[in-house]
Amino acid sequence: MRLPRADVLRHPAAAPLAVLVAGAAGAGYLYGTDPHESGHLLPACPFRFFTGLLCPACGGTRMVYDLMHGQFTAAWLDNRVLLLASPLALALLARWIVEGLRGRRWRPRLSSRVQVLVLAVAVTWTVVRNIRG
């Protein structure tokens, strides 16, 4: 029996699998595109465009490129905090996919303390990296 298209799109695994496919496509493009050089179709940081300052995620594209090419020291220099947070983000994505494939909707719940901690780390990292230049 075949499910109607609307039911397939509402399946709990549809969104996490779409994120995984989009991420894989983006990674495939990024693998052959050096973000350290100009002239590529890569998104610019809107925060940096308008303020001239680095946001907490600036350097993330270069970091992923360097990781895919085995340049761990360069990835560390691109964005330390994002590099340290990446395993957690990948674990959350994996859990979302697994729960979706099991037919369950999953939404992580962060306590108020964790939300404040994440915000404090992001603000502190933004200030530190812009003071150091």
N, C-alpha and C. Protein backbone atom coordinates (compact mmCIF):
# COMPACT_ATOMS: atom_id res chain seq x y z
N MET A 1 0.84 -1.18 0.00
CA MET A 1 0.00 0.00 0.00
C MET A 1 0.88 1.24 0.00
N ARG A 2 0.55 2.15 -0.86
CA ARG A 2 1.33 3.38 -0.98
C ARG A 2 0.66 4.50 -0.21
N LEU A 3 1.48 5.29 0.53
CA LEU A 3 0.94 6.42 1.27
C LEU A 3 0.76 7.62 0.35
N PRO A 4 -0.31 8.37 0.55
CA PRO A 4 -0.45 9.63 -0.21
C PRO A 4 0.72 10.56 0.10
N ARG A 5 1.05 11.42 -0.86
CA ARG A 5 2.20 12.31 -0.70
C ARG A 5 2.11 13.17 0.55
N ALA A 6 0.93 13.68 0.86
CA ALA A 6 0.77 14.53 2.05
C ALA A 6 1.12 13.77 3.31
N ASP A 7 0.77 12.48 3.37
CA ASP A 7 1.10 11.68 4.55
C ASP A 7 2.60 11.46 4.67
N VAL A 8 3.27 11.27 3.53
CA VAL A 8 4.72 11.08 3.55
C VAL A 8 5.41 12.33 4.08
N LEU A 9 4.95 13.49 3.65
CA LEU A 9 5.56 14.75 4.09
C LEU A 9 5.29 15.04 5.56
N ARG A 10 4.24 14.46 6.12
CA ARG A 10 3.93 14.67 7.53
C ARG A 10 4.58 13.63 8.44
N HIS A 11 5.23 12.65 7.85
CA HIS A 11 5.87 11.61 8.65
C HIS A 11 6.94 12.24 9.54
N PRO A 12 7.08 11.77 10.77
CA PRO A 12 8.08 12.36 11.69
C PRO A 12 9.52 12.33 11.18
N ALA A 13 9.82 11.45 10.24
CA ALA A 13 11.19 11.38 9.71
C ALA A 13 11.42 12.33 8.55
N ALA A 14 10.37 12.93 8.00
CA ALA A 14 10.52 13.76 6.80
C ALA A 14 11.42 14.97 7.04
N ALA A 15 11.19 15.72 8.09
CA ALA A 15 11.99 16.93 8.34
C ALA A 15 13.45 16.61 8.65
N PRO A 16 13.75 15.68 9.58
CA PRO A 16 15.17 15.42 9.84
C PRO A 16 15.90 14.83 8.64
N LEU A 17 15.21 14.01 7.84
CA LEU A 17 15.86 13.48 6.65
C LEU A 17 16.10 14.57 5.61
N ALA A 18 15.17 15.51 5.51
CA ALA A 18 15.36 16.64 4.59
C ALA A 18 16.55 17.49 5.03
N VAL A 19 16.69 17.70 6.33
CA VAL A 19 17.85 18.45 6.85
C VAL A 19 19.14 17.70 6.54
N LEU A 20 19.13 16.38 6.72
CA LEU A 20 20.30 15.56 6.43
C LEU A 20 20.68 15.63 4.95
N VAL A 21 19.70 15.54 4.07
CA VAL A 21 19.97 15.59 2.63
C VAL A 21 20.49 16.98 2.24
N ALA A 22 19.88 18.03 2.77
CA ALA A 22 20.34 19.39 2.46
C ALA A 22 21.76 19.60 2.98
N GLY A 23 22.03 19.10 4.17
CA GLY A 23 23.38 19.22 4.73
C GLY A 23 24.40 18.46 3.91
N ALA A 24 24.04 17.27 3.46
CA ALA A 24 24.96 16.48 2.62
C ALA A 24 25.21 17.17 1.29
N ALA A 25 24.16 17.75 0.70
CA ALA A 25 24.34 18.47 -0.56
C ALA A 25 25.24 19.69 -0.36
N GLY A 26 25.00 20.42 0.72
CA GLY A 26 25.85 21.57 1.03
C GLY A 26 27.29 21.17 1.29
N ALA A 27 27.47 20.07 2.01
CA ALA A 27 28.83 19.59 2.28
C ALA A 27 29.51 19.14 0.99
N GLY A 28 28.74 18.52 0.11
CA GLY A 28 29.32 18.10 -1.17
C GLY A 28 29.81 19.29 -1.98
N TYR A 29 29.00 20.35 -2.01
CA TYR A 29 29.43 21.56 -2.72
C TYR A 29 30.63 22.19 -2.03
N LEU A 30 30.57 22.26 -0.71
CA LEU A 30 31.64 22.90 0.05
C LEU A 30 32.96 22.15 -0.09
N TYR A 31 32.91 20.83 -0.22
CA TYR A 31 34.14 20.04 -0.31
C TYR A 31 35.01 20.50 -1.48
N GLY A 32 34.37 20.86 -2.58
CA GLY A 32 35.14 21.28 -3.75
C GLY A 32 35.27 22.78 -3.89
N THR A 33 34.84 23.52 -2.89
CA THR A 33 34.85 24.98 -2.94
C THR A 33 35.62 25.51 -1.75
N ASP A 34 36.76 26.12 -1.97
CA ASP A 34 37.57 26.62 -0.87
C ASP A 34 37.05 27.98 -0.39
N PRO A 35 36.42 28.02 0.81
CA PRO A 35 35.87 29.28 1.30
C PRO A 35 36.95 30.27 1.75
N HIS A 36 38.21 29.82 1.78
CA HIS A 36 39.30 30.74 2.11
C HIS A 36 39.62 31.65 0.94
N GLU A 37 39.10 31.30 -0.24
CA GLU A 37 39.29 32.11 -1.44
C GLU A 37 37.96 32.76 -1.81
N SER A 38 38.02 33.92 -2.41
CA SER A 38 36.78 34.62 -2.81
C SER A 38 36.30 34.12 -4.16
N GLY A 39 35.07 34.54 -4.50
CA GLY A 39 34.54 34.23 -5.81
C GLY A 39 33.66 32.99 -5.88
N HIS A 40 33.26 32.45 -4.73
CA HIS A 40 32.40 31.26 -4.71
C HIS A 40 30.99 31.63 -4.29
N LEU A 41 30.04 30.77 -4.60
CA LEU A 41 28.66 30.97 -4.20
C LEU A 41 28.46 30.43 -2.78
N LEU A 42 28.93 31.19 -1.82
CA LEU A 42 28.77 30.83 -0.41
C LEU A 42 28.13 32.01 0.31
N PRO A 43 27.24 31.74 1.25
CA PRO A 43 26.55 32.85 1.93
C PRO A 43 27.50 33.67 2.80
N ALA A 44 27.29 34.96 2.81
CA ALA A 44 28.05 35.86 3.68
C ALA A 44 27.28 36.03 4.99
N CYS A 45 27.98 36.35 6.04
CA CYS A 45 27.35 36.56 7.34
C CYS A 45 26.63 37.91 7.36
N PRO A 46 25.30 37.91 7.56
CA PRO A 46 24.58 39.19 7.59
C PRO A 46 24.98 40.06 8.78
N PHE A 47 25.29 39.44 9.91
CA PHE A 47 25.71 40.21 11.09
C PHE A 47 27.01 40.97 10.78
N ARG A 48 27.96 40.28 10.17
CA ARG A 48 29.23 40.92 9.82
C ARG A 48 29.04 41.98 8.73
N PHE A 49 28.15 41.71 7.79
CA PHE A 49 27.88 42.66 6.71
C PHE A 49 27.39 43.99 7.28
N PHE A 50 26.46 43.92 8.25
CA PHE A 50 25.86 45.15 8.78
C PHE A 50 26.67 45.80 9.89
N THR A 51 27.43 45.01 10.67
CA THR A 51 28.15 45.59 11.82
C THR A 51 29.66 45.63 11.64
N GLY A 52 30.19 44.80 10.76
CA GLY A 52 31.64 44.70 10.63
C GLY A 52 32.27 43.84 11.70
N LEU A 53 31.45 43.24 12.57
CA LEU A 53 31.94 42.41 13.66
C LEU A 53 31.71 40.93 13.35
N LEU A 54 32.50 40.07 13.99
CA LEU A 54 32.32 38.64 13.84
C LEU A 54 31.19 38.16 14.75
N CYS A 55 30.30 37.33 14.21
CA CYS A 55 29.24 36.73 15.03
C CYS A 55 29.77 35.45 15.66
N PRO A 56 29.02 34.80 16.55
CA PRO A 56 29.52 33.57 17.17
C PRO A 56 29.77 32.45 16.16
N ALA A 57 29.11 32.47 15.02
CA ALA A 57 29.27 31.40 14.03
C ALA A 57 30.20 31.76 12.88
N CYS A 58 30.70 32.99 12.82
CA CYS A 58 31.60 33.37 11.74
C CYS A 58 32.80 32.43 11.72
N GLY A 59 33.15 31.99 10.54
CA GLY A 59 34.24 31.04 10.38
C GLY A 59 33.74 29.60 10.33
N GLY A 60 32.45 29.40 10.51
CA GLY A 60 31.89 28.05 10.51
C GLY A 60 32.03 27.34 9.18
N THR A 61 31.84 28.06 8.09
CA THR A 61 31.97 27.45 6.77
C THR A 61 33.41 27.04 6.52
N ARG A 62 34.34 27.92 6.86
CA ARG A 62 35.76 27.59 6.71
C ARG A 62 36.13 26.42 7.63
N MET A 63 35.56 26.39 8.84
CA MET A 63 35.84 25.33 9.79
C MET A 63 35.41 23.97 9.23
N VAL A 64 34.20 23.91 8.66
CA VAL A 64 33.71 22.65 8.10
C VAL A 64 34.57 22.23 6.91
N TYR A 65 34.93 23.17 6.07
CA TYR A 65 35.81 22.86 4.94
C TYR A 65 37.13 22.28 5.44
N ASP A 66 37.73 22.94 6.42
CA ASP A 66 39.01 22.46 6.95
C ASP A 66 38.87 21.08 7.58
N LEU A 67 37.79 20.82 8.29
CA LEU A 67 37.57 19.50 8.89
C LEU A 67 37.44 18.43 7.80
N MET A 68 36.70 18.73 6.73
CA MET A 68 36.53 17.75 5.65
C MET A 68 37.85 17.46 4.94
N HIS A 69 38.80 18.36 5.05
CA HIS A 69 40.09 18.17 4.40
C HIS A 69 41.19 17.80 5.40
N GLY A 70 40.79 17.43 6.63
CA GLY A 70 41.74 16.95 7.62
C GLY A 70 42.63 18.02 8.24
N GLN A 71 42.25 19.26 8.11
CA GLN A 71 43.05 20.37 8.65
C GLN A 71 42.48 20.78 10.02
N PHE A 72 42.76 19.99 11.04
CA PHE A 72 42.15 20.21 12.36
C PHE A 72 42.65 21.47 13.03
N THR A 73 43.91 21.81 12.86
CA THR A 73 44.44 23.03 13.46
C THR A 73 43.79 24.26 12.82
N ALA A 74 43.65 24.24 11.51
CA ALA A 74 43.00 25.36 10.82
C ALA A 74 41.53 25.47 11.25
N ALA A 75 40.85 24.34 11.42
CA ALA A 75 39.45 24.36 11.88
C ALA A 75 39.37 24.97 13.27
N TRP A 76 40.31 24.63 14.14
CA TRP A 76 40.35 25.20 15.49
C TRP A 76 40.51 26.71 15.43
N LEU A 77 41.34 27.18 14.55
CA LEU A 77 41.58 28.62 14.42
C LEU A 77 40.40 29.35 13.78
N ASP A 78 39.63 28.65 12.95
CA ASP A 78 38.47 29.27 12.30
C ASP A 78 37.39 29.62 13.31
N ASN A 79 37.04 28.69 14.21
CA ASN A 79 36.01 28.95 15.21
C ASN A 79 36.06 27.87 16.28
N ARG A 80 36.72 28.18 17.38
CA ARG A 80 36.92 27.21 18.46
C ARG A 80 35.63 26.75 19.12
N VAL A 81 34.77 27.71 19.44
CA VAL A 81 33.54 27.38 20.17
C VAL A 81 32.61 26.55 19.29
N LEU A 82 32.48 26.91 18.05
CA LEU A 82 31.63 26.14 17.14
C LEU A 82 32.18 24.73 16.94
N LEU A 83 33.49 24.60 16.87
CA LEU A 83 34.11 23.28 16.73
C LEU A 83 33.81 22.42 17.95
N LEU A 84 33.90 23.01 19.13
CA LEU A 84 33.61 22.26 20.36
C LEU A 84 32.14 21.89 20.48
N ALA A 85 31.25 22.72 19.93
CA ALA A 85 29.81 22.46 20.00
C ALA A 85 29.33 21.51 18.91
N SER A 86 30.12 21.28 17.88
CA SER A 86 29.70 20.46 16.74
C SER A 86 29.29 19.04 17.11
N PRO A 87 30.03 18.33 17.97
CA PRO A 87 29.59 16.97 18.33
C PRO A 87 28.20 16.95 18.96
N LEU A 88 27.89 17.94 19.78
CA LEU A 88 26.56 18.00 20.38
C LEU A 88 25.49 18.22 19.31
N ALA A 89 25.76 19.12 18.38
CA ALA A 89 24.80 19.38 17.30
C ALA A 89 24.59 18.13 16.45
N LEU A 90 25.65 17.41 16.15
CA LEU A 90 25.52 16.18 15.37
C LEU A 90 24.76 15.11 16.14
N ALA A 91 24.99 15.03 17.44
CA ALA A 91 24.25 14.07 18.28
C ALA A 91 22.76 14.40 18.30
N LEU A 92 22.42 15.68 18.39
CA LEU A 92 21.02 16.09 18.37
C LEU A 92 20.37 15.76 17.03
N LEU A 93 21.09 15.99 15.93
CA LEU A 93 20.57 15.64 14.61
C LEU A 93 20.36 14.13 14.50
N ALA A 94 21.32 13.36 14.98
CA ALA A 94 21.20 11.90 14.93
C ALA A 94 19.98 11.42 15.73
N ARG A 95 19.80 11.98 16.91
CA ARG A 95 18.64 11.59 17.74
C ARG A 95 17.34 11.95 17.04
N TRP A 96 17.28 13.13 16.42
CA TRP A 96 16.09 13.58 15.70
C TRP A 96 15.77 12.60 14.56
N ILE A 97 16.79 12.18 13.83
CA ILE A 97 16.60 11.25 12.73
C ILE A 97 16.12 9.89 13.24
N VAL A 98 16.77 9.37 14.27
CA VAL A 98 16.40 8.06 14.82
C VAL A 98 14.96 8.07 15.32
N GLU A 99 14.61 9.09 16.08
CA GLU A 99 13.23 9.17 16.60
C GLU A 99 12.23 9.29 15.45
N GLY A 100 12.57 10.06 14.43
CA GLY A 100 11.69 10.20 13.27
C GLY A 100 11.49 8.88 12.55
N LEU A 101 12.58 8.12 12.37
CA LEU A 101 12.47 6.83 11.70
C LEU A 101 11.67 5.83 12.53
N ARG A 102 11.65 6.03 13.83
CA ARG A 102 10.83 5.17 14.70
C ARG A 102 9.37 5.63 14.72
N GLY A 103 9.07 6.71 13.99
CA GLY A 103 7.71 7.20 13.91
C GLY A 103 7.31 8.15 15.03
N ARG A 104 8.29 8.65 15.75
CA ARG A 104 8.00 9.56 16.87
C ARG A 104 8.53 10.96 16.56
N ARG A 105 7.77 11.94 16.95
CA ARG A 105 8.23 13.33 16.85
C ARG A 105 9.11 13.62 18.06
N TRP A 106 10.21 14.30 17.81
CA TRP A 106 11.13 14.60 18.91
C TRP A 106 11.53 16.06 18.85
N ARG A 107 11.37 16.73 19.96
CA ARG A 107 11.81 18.12 20.09
C ARG A 107 12.60 18.23 21.38
N PRO A 108 13.86 18.58 21.28
CA PRO A 108 14.64 18.72 22.52
C PRO A 108 14.12 19.89 23.35
N ARG A 109 14.12 19.69 24.63
CA ARG A 109 13.68 20.76 25.53
C ARG A 109 14.88 21.22 26.35
N LEU A 110 15.15 22.50 26.26
CA LEU A 110 16.25 23.08 27.02
C LEU A 110 15.68 23.85 28.20
N SER A 111 16.23 23.59 29.36
CA SER A 111 15.78 24.32 30.54
C SER A 111 16.18 25.78 30.41
N SER A 112 15.60 26.62 31.23
CA SER A 112 15.93 28.05 31.21
C SER A 112 17.40 28.26 31.49
N ARG A 113 17.95 27.48 32.40
CA ARG A 113 19.38 27.61 32.73
C ARG A 113 20.27 27.29 31.53
N VAL A 114 19.93 26.25 30.80
CA VAL A 114 20.72 25.88 29.63
C VAL A 114 20.60 26.95 28.55
N GLN A 115 19.41 27.50 28.37
CA GLN A 115 19.23 28.57 27.39
C GLN A 115 20.07 29.78 27.75
N VAL A 116 20.10 30.15 29.03
CA VAL A 116 20.91 31.28 29.49
C VAL A 116 22.39 30.97 29.30
N LEU A 117 22.79 29.73 29.57
CA LEU A 117 24.19 29.33 29.38
C LEU A 117 24.60 29.44 27.92
N VAL A 118 23.76 28.95 27.02
CA VAL A 118 24.08 29.03 25.58
C VAL A 118 24.19 30.49 25.14
N LEU A 119 23.26 31.31 25.57
CA LEU A 119 23.30 32.74 25.23
C LEU A 119 24.55 33.41 25.80
N ALA A 120 24.89 33.09 27.05
CA ALA A 120 26.07 33.68 27.69
C ALA A 120 27.35 33.27 26.96
N VAL A 121 27.45 32.01 26.57
CA VAL A 121 28.63 31.55 25.83
C VAL A 121 28.72 32.26 24.49
N ALA A 122 27.59 32.38 23.78
CA ALA A 122 27.58 33.05 22.47
C ALA A 122 27.99 34.52 22.59
N VAL A 123 27.44 35.21 23.56
CA VAL A 123 27.77 36.63 23.74
C VAL A 123 29.23 36.78 24.15
N THR A 124 29.68 35.95 25.10
CA THR A 124 31.08 36.03 25.55
C THR A 124 32.03 35.74 24.40
N TRP A 125 31.74 34.70 23.61
CA TRP A 125 32.60 34.35 22.48
C TRP A 125 32.63 35.48 21.45
N THR A 126 31.48 36.11 21.21
CA THR A 126 31.42 37.23 20.27
C THR A 126 32.30 38.39 20.75
N VAL A 127 32.20 38.72 22.01
CA VAL A 127 32.98 39.83 22.57
C VAL A 127 34.48 39.49 22.52
N VAL A 128 34.83 38.29 22.97
CA VAL A 128 36.26 37.91 23.02
C VAL A 128 36.86 37.90 21.64
N ARG A 129 36.20 37.33 20.68
CA ARG A 129 36.82 37.24 19.35
C ARG A 129 36.89 38.57 18.64
N ASN A 130 36.02 39.52 19.00
CA ASN A 130 36.08 40.84 18.39
C ASN A 130 37.08 41.75 19.11
N ILE A 131 37.32 41.53 20.38
CA ILE A 131 38.34 42.31 21.10
C ILE A 131 39.73 41.91 20.64
N ARG A 132 39.93 40.59 20.47
CA ARG A 132 41.24 40.10 20.05
C ARG A 132 41.57 40.47 18.62
N GLY A 133 40.53 40.76 17.84
CA GLY A 133 40.76 41.12 16.44
C GLY A 133 40.83 39.89 15.65
